[in-house]
Amino acid sequence: MTLFDFNYGLCFLVTSTLINQSLAKKLPVIGAGQRMMLLKRVVFPDLVFPRWQSVLAISFIGVLFGLAPRLHAVPTDAPAWLGVVVGLVTGLVTTWAAFLVIVAVLRWWFKRGGRWDGQGDLFNLVAASWLMLDSFCANLMMLNAPPFLVLPFWLYSLWVGTKAMTSAIPQASRGYCIAGIAIGLLPAIAAAGLVFALVRALMTGLVPGGAGA
């Protein structure tokens, strides 16, 4: 079985899992993510679920991104499984770096001017808004889909996040939420890029033959 066959099967499993209504009742982060993806109203009381579910969701996205073949570059004389390990570590760490920066920036952005009093779980809100579409984008990347095919879904995920934030924080207008996301994306991309470079350098240095590659 080739890596593409494995990724194709995994994509089908991931999609089936995330649209499973029974599982959504057991894991509220999935149910909230499903409603957000459909642009339905989700408020902070709907996001009262254990933090570990959000941690699991973001880690899940990171693992999926890490399975993208583009992240598996290692020296040709290194074992193939090491490329997968490098990709998984890179995907996990960069996804978490971007997520934490985004949450921190949005927390500051919404509190300025008294638009949000800090009541409610912004961490869970952002995690749920990322879960469905970012997982789908990661699926496409696992199948080596070209960037122009992934971009529309990623842009829609930003709109999903905007809708979720305006629903949970009525004092924040749609434009204000879009501005907050845009402002948060800049340091998030920078942080993810820096972490990506550091992790790749470290992991490549640990791979036999990596230092001379």
Protein backbone atom coordinates (compact mmCIF):
# COMPACT_ATOMS: atom_id res chain seq x y z
CA MET A 1 0.00 0.00 0.00
CA THR A 2 1.43 3.38 -1.00
CA LEU A 3 1.40 6.49 1.17
CA PHE A 4 -1.19 8.01 -1.19
CA ASP A 5 -3.51 5.02 -0.68
CA PHE A 6 -3.08 5.33 3.09
CA ASN A 7 -3.79 9.07 3.03
CA TYR A 8 -6.82 8.58 0.79
CA GLY A 9 -8.28 6.06 3.22
CA LEU A 10 -7.44 8.29 6.17
CA CYS A 11 -9.14 11.27 4.51
CA PHE A 12 -12.32 9.22 4.09
CA LEU A 13 -12.15 8.13 7.74
CA VAL A 14 -11.56 11.69 8.97
CA THR A 15 -14.45 13.09 6.95
CA SER A 16 -16.79 10.32 8.08
CA THR A 17 -15.82 10.92 11.70
CA LEU A 18 -16.28 14.69 11.64
CA ILE A 19 -19.76 14.52 10.11
CA ASN A 20 -20.90 11.74 12.45
CA GLN A 21 -23.90 13.08 14.35
CA SER A 22 -23.67 10.49 17.11
CA LEU A 23 -20.07 11.40 17.83
CA ALA A 24 -20.98 15.09 17.75
CA LYS A 25 -23.33 14.51 20.68
CA LYS A 26 -20.56 12.85 22.68
CA LEU A 27 -17.90 15.41 21.77
CA PRO A 28 -19.47 18.91 21.82
CA VAL A 29 -16.43 20.42 20.09
CA ILE A 30 -17.42 18.46 16.96
CA GLY A 31 -21.07 19.48 17.25
CA ALA A 32 -20.10 23.15 17.66
CA GLY A 33 -17.70 22.86 14.72
CA GLN A 34 -20.42 21.36 12.54
CA ARG A 35 -22.84 24.19 13.34
CA MET A 36 -20.18 26.81 12.76
CA MET A 37 -19.31 25.31 9.38
CA LEU A 38 -22.99 25.67 8.41
CA LEU A 39 -22.85 29.30 9.61
CA LYS A 40 -25.36 28.62 12.38
CA ARG A 41 -25.40 30.74 15.52
CA VAL A 42 -23.15 29.44 18.29
CA VAL A 43 -22.86 31.34 21.57
CA PHE A 44 -20.50 30.92 24.52
CA PRO A 45 -22.90 28.68 26.52
CA ASP A 46 -22.70 26.23 23.58
CA LEU A 47 -18.93 26.13 24.04
CA VAL A 48 -18.87 24.95 27.63
CA PHE A 49 -17.06 21.66 27.20
CA PRO A 50 -13.80 20.28 28.64
CA ARG A 51 -10.65 22.00 27.42
CA TRP A 52 -9.13 18.64 26.46
CA GLN A 53 -11.58 18.42 23.56
CA SER A 54 -10.17 21.62 22.07
CA VAL A 55 -6.62 20.42 22.72
CA LEU A 56 -7.49 17.17 20.96
CA ALA A 57 -9.05 19.07 18.03
CA ILE A 58 -6.01 21.29 17.42
CA SER A 59 -3.60 18.39 17.86
CA PHE A 60 -5.73 16.38 15.41
CA ILE A 61 -5.45 19.16 12.83
CA GLY A 62 -1.70 19.35 13.41
CA VAL A 63 -1.30 15.60 12.86
CA LEU A 64 -3.29 15.78 9.63
CA PHE A 65 -1.15 18.65 8.34
CA GLY A 66 1.92 16.67 9.35
CA LEU A 67 0.86 13.81 7.09
CA ALA A 68 1.08 16.04 4.00
CA PRO A 69 3.85 14.65 1.77
CA ARG A 70 5.31 18.15 1.37
CA LEU A 71 6.48 18.02 4.99
CA HIS A 72 8.24 14.67 4.69
CA ALA A 73 11.43 15.88 3.03
CA VAL A 74 14.47 14.10 4.47
CA PRO A 75 17.78 13.03 2.94
CA THR A 76 17.36 10.29 0.35
CA ASP A 77 19.43 7.82 2.36
CA ALA A 78 17.20 8.18 5.45
CA PRO A 79 14.44 5.64 6.20
CA ALA A 80 11.03 6.60 4.82
CA TRP A 81 9.38 6.46 8.25
CA LEU A 82 11.66 9.25 9.48
CA GLY A 83 10.09 11.56 6.93
CA VAL A 84 6.68 10.85 8.44
CA VAL A 85 8.02 11.56 11.95
CA VAL A 86 9.56 14.85 10.80
CA GLY A 87 6.28 15.81 9.15
CA LEU A 88 4.16 14.94 12.19
CA VAL A 89 6.35 16.90 14.61
CA THR A 90 6.47 19.86 12.23
CA GLY A 91 2.70 19.82 11.68
CA LEU A 92 1.88 19.59 15.37
CA VAL A 93 4.26 22.27 16.59
CA THR A 94 3.50 24.81 13.84
CA THR A 95 -0.27 24.34 14.16
CA TRP A 96 -0.11 24.91 17.91
CA ALA A 97 2.15 27.93 17.51
CA ALA A 98 -0.28 29.55 15.06
CA PHE A 99 -3.31 28.67 17.18
CA LEU A 100 -1.94 30.07 20.44
CA VAL A 101 -0.84 33.31 18.78
CA ILE A 102 -4.24 33.75 17.12
CA VAL A 103 -6.08 33.18 20.42
CA ALA A 104 -3.81 35.63 22.27
CA VAL A 105 -4.21 38.34 19.64
CA LEU A 106 -7.99 37.91 19.43
CA ARG A 107 -8.30 38.02 23.22
CA TRP A 108 -6.51 41.38 23.26
CA TRP A 109 -8.40 42.65 20.20
CA PHE A 110 -11.88 41.91 21.54
CA LYS A 111 -11.18 43.31 25.01
CA ARG A 112 -9.99 46.65 23.67
CA GLY A 113 -12.78 49.19 23.61
CA GLY A 114 -14.95 47.04 25.87
CA ARG A 115 -16.32 44.87 23.09
CA TRP A 116 -15.85 41.72 25.17
CA ASP A 117 -15.77 41.39 28.96
CA GLY A 118 -13.67 38.24 28.91
CA GLN A 119 -16.59 36.00 29.89
CA GLY A 120 -16.73 32.87 27.76
CA ASP A 121 -14.15 30.45 26.43
CA LEU A 122 -12.41 32.01 23.43
CA PHE A 123 -9.99 29.07 23.31
CA ASN A 124 -12.86 26.63 22.72
CA LEU A 125 -14.50 28.98 20.23
CA VAL A 126 -11.43 29.26 18.01
CA ALA A 127 -10.71 25.52 18.26
CA ALA A 128 -14.24 24.59 17.23
CA SER A 129 -14.21 27.08 14.35
CA TRP A 130 -10.96 25.56 13.04
CA LEU A 131 -11.91 21.91 13.40
CA MET A 132 -14.04 21.12 10.36
CA LEU A 133 -12.57 23.16 7.53
CA ASP A 134 -8.95 23.12 8.63
CA SER A 135 -9.19 19.34 8.87
CA PHE A 136 -10.64 19.29 5.36
CA CYS A 137 -7.83 21.52 4.08
CA ALA A 138 -5.33 19.18 5.73
CA ASN A 139 -7.02 16.27 3.97
CA LEU A 140 -6.52 17.98 0.63
CA MET A 141 -2.87 18.61 1.45
CA MET A 142 -2.44 14.94 2.38
CA LEU A 143 -3.60 14.11 -1.15
CA ASN A 144 -1.09 16.61 -2.58
CA ALA A 145 -3.87 18.88 -3.83
CA PRO A 146 -2.58 22.07 -5.49
CA PRO A 147 -2.74 25.26 -3.39
CA PHE A 148 -5.37 26.87 -5.64
CA LEU A 149 -7.76 24.05 -4.68
CA VAL A 150 -7.08 24.41 -0.95
CA LEU A 151 -7.28 28.23 -0.87
CA PRO A 152 -11.09 28.61 -1.29
CA PHE A 153 -11.78 26.27 1.63
CA TRP A 154 -9.21 28.05 3.79
CA LEU A 155 -10.81 31.41 2.98
CA TYR A 156 -14.22 29.98 3.86
CA SER A 157 -12.78 28.80 7.18
CA LEU A 158 -11.91 32.44 7.93
CA TRP A 159 -15.50 33.41 7.20
CA VAL A 160 -16.70 30.61 9.50
CA GLY A 161 -14.49 32.01 12.25
CA THR A 162 -15.84 35.51 11.65
CA LYS A 163 -19.45 34.32 11.87
CA ALA A 164 -18.72 32.35 15.03
CA MET A 165 -17.14 35.36 16.73
CA THR A 166 -19.95 37.77 15.81
CA SER A 167 -22.45 35.25 17.19
CA ALA A 168 -20.60 34.82 20.48
CA ILE A 169 -19.55 38.47 20.86
CA PRO A 170 -22.46 40.62 19.57
CA GLN A 171 -20.64 43.88 20.39
CA ALA A 172 -17.99 43.00 17.81
CA SER A 173 -19.10 43.76 14.27
CA ARG A 174 -18.31 41.51 11.35
CA GLY A 175 -15.71 43.97 10.07
CA TYR A 176 -14.11 44.19 13.51
CA CYS A 177 -13.85 40.39 13.68
CA ILE A 178 -12.34 40.20 10.20
CA ALA A 179 -9.80 42.85 11.19
CA GLY A 180 -8.94 40.91 14.33
CA ILE A 181 -8.38 37.72 12.36
CA ALA A 182 -6.25 39.56 9.81
CA ILE A 183 -4.15 41.17 12.54
CA GLY A 184 -3.77 37.82 14.28
CA LEU A 185 -2.75 36.03 11.09
CA LEU A 186 0.39 38.12 10.63
CA PRO A 187 2.15 37.15 13.88
CA ALA A 188 0.64 33.66 13.70
CA ILE A 189 2.18 33.03 10.28
CA ALA A 190 5.47 34.52 11.44
CA ALA A 191 5.49 32.37 14.59
CA ALA A 192 4.53 29.23 12.67
CA GLY A 193 7.22 29.95 10.07
CA LEU A 194 9.88 30.45 12.73
CA VAL A 195 8.87 27.31 14.60
CA PHE A 196 8.73 25.42 11.30
CA ALA A 197 12.29 26.41 10.46
CA LEU A 198 13.56 25.54 13.94
CA VAL A 199 11.83 22.18 14.05
CA ARG A 200 12.97 21.26 10.55
CA ALA A 201 16.55 22.22 11.38
CA LEU A 202 16.47 20.21 14.60
CA MET A 203 14.77 17.17 13.11
CA THR A 204 16.95 17.18 10.00
CA GLY A 205 20.03 17.37 12.22
CA LEU A 206 18.85 14.26 14.04
CA VAL A 207 18.22 12.35 10.81
CA PRO A 208 21.24 10.29 9.60
CA GLY A 209 22.85 12.18 6.73
CA GLY A 210 20.73 15.27 7.42
CA ALA A 211 23.55 17.61 8.31
CA GLY A 212 25.20 17.14 4.98
CA ALA A 213 22.01 17.27 2.95
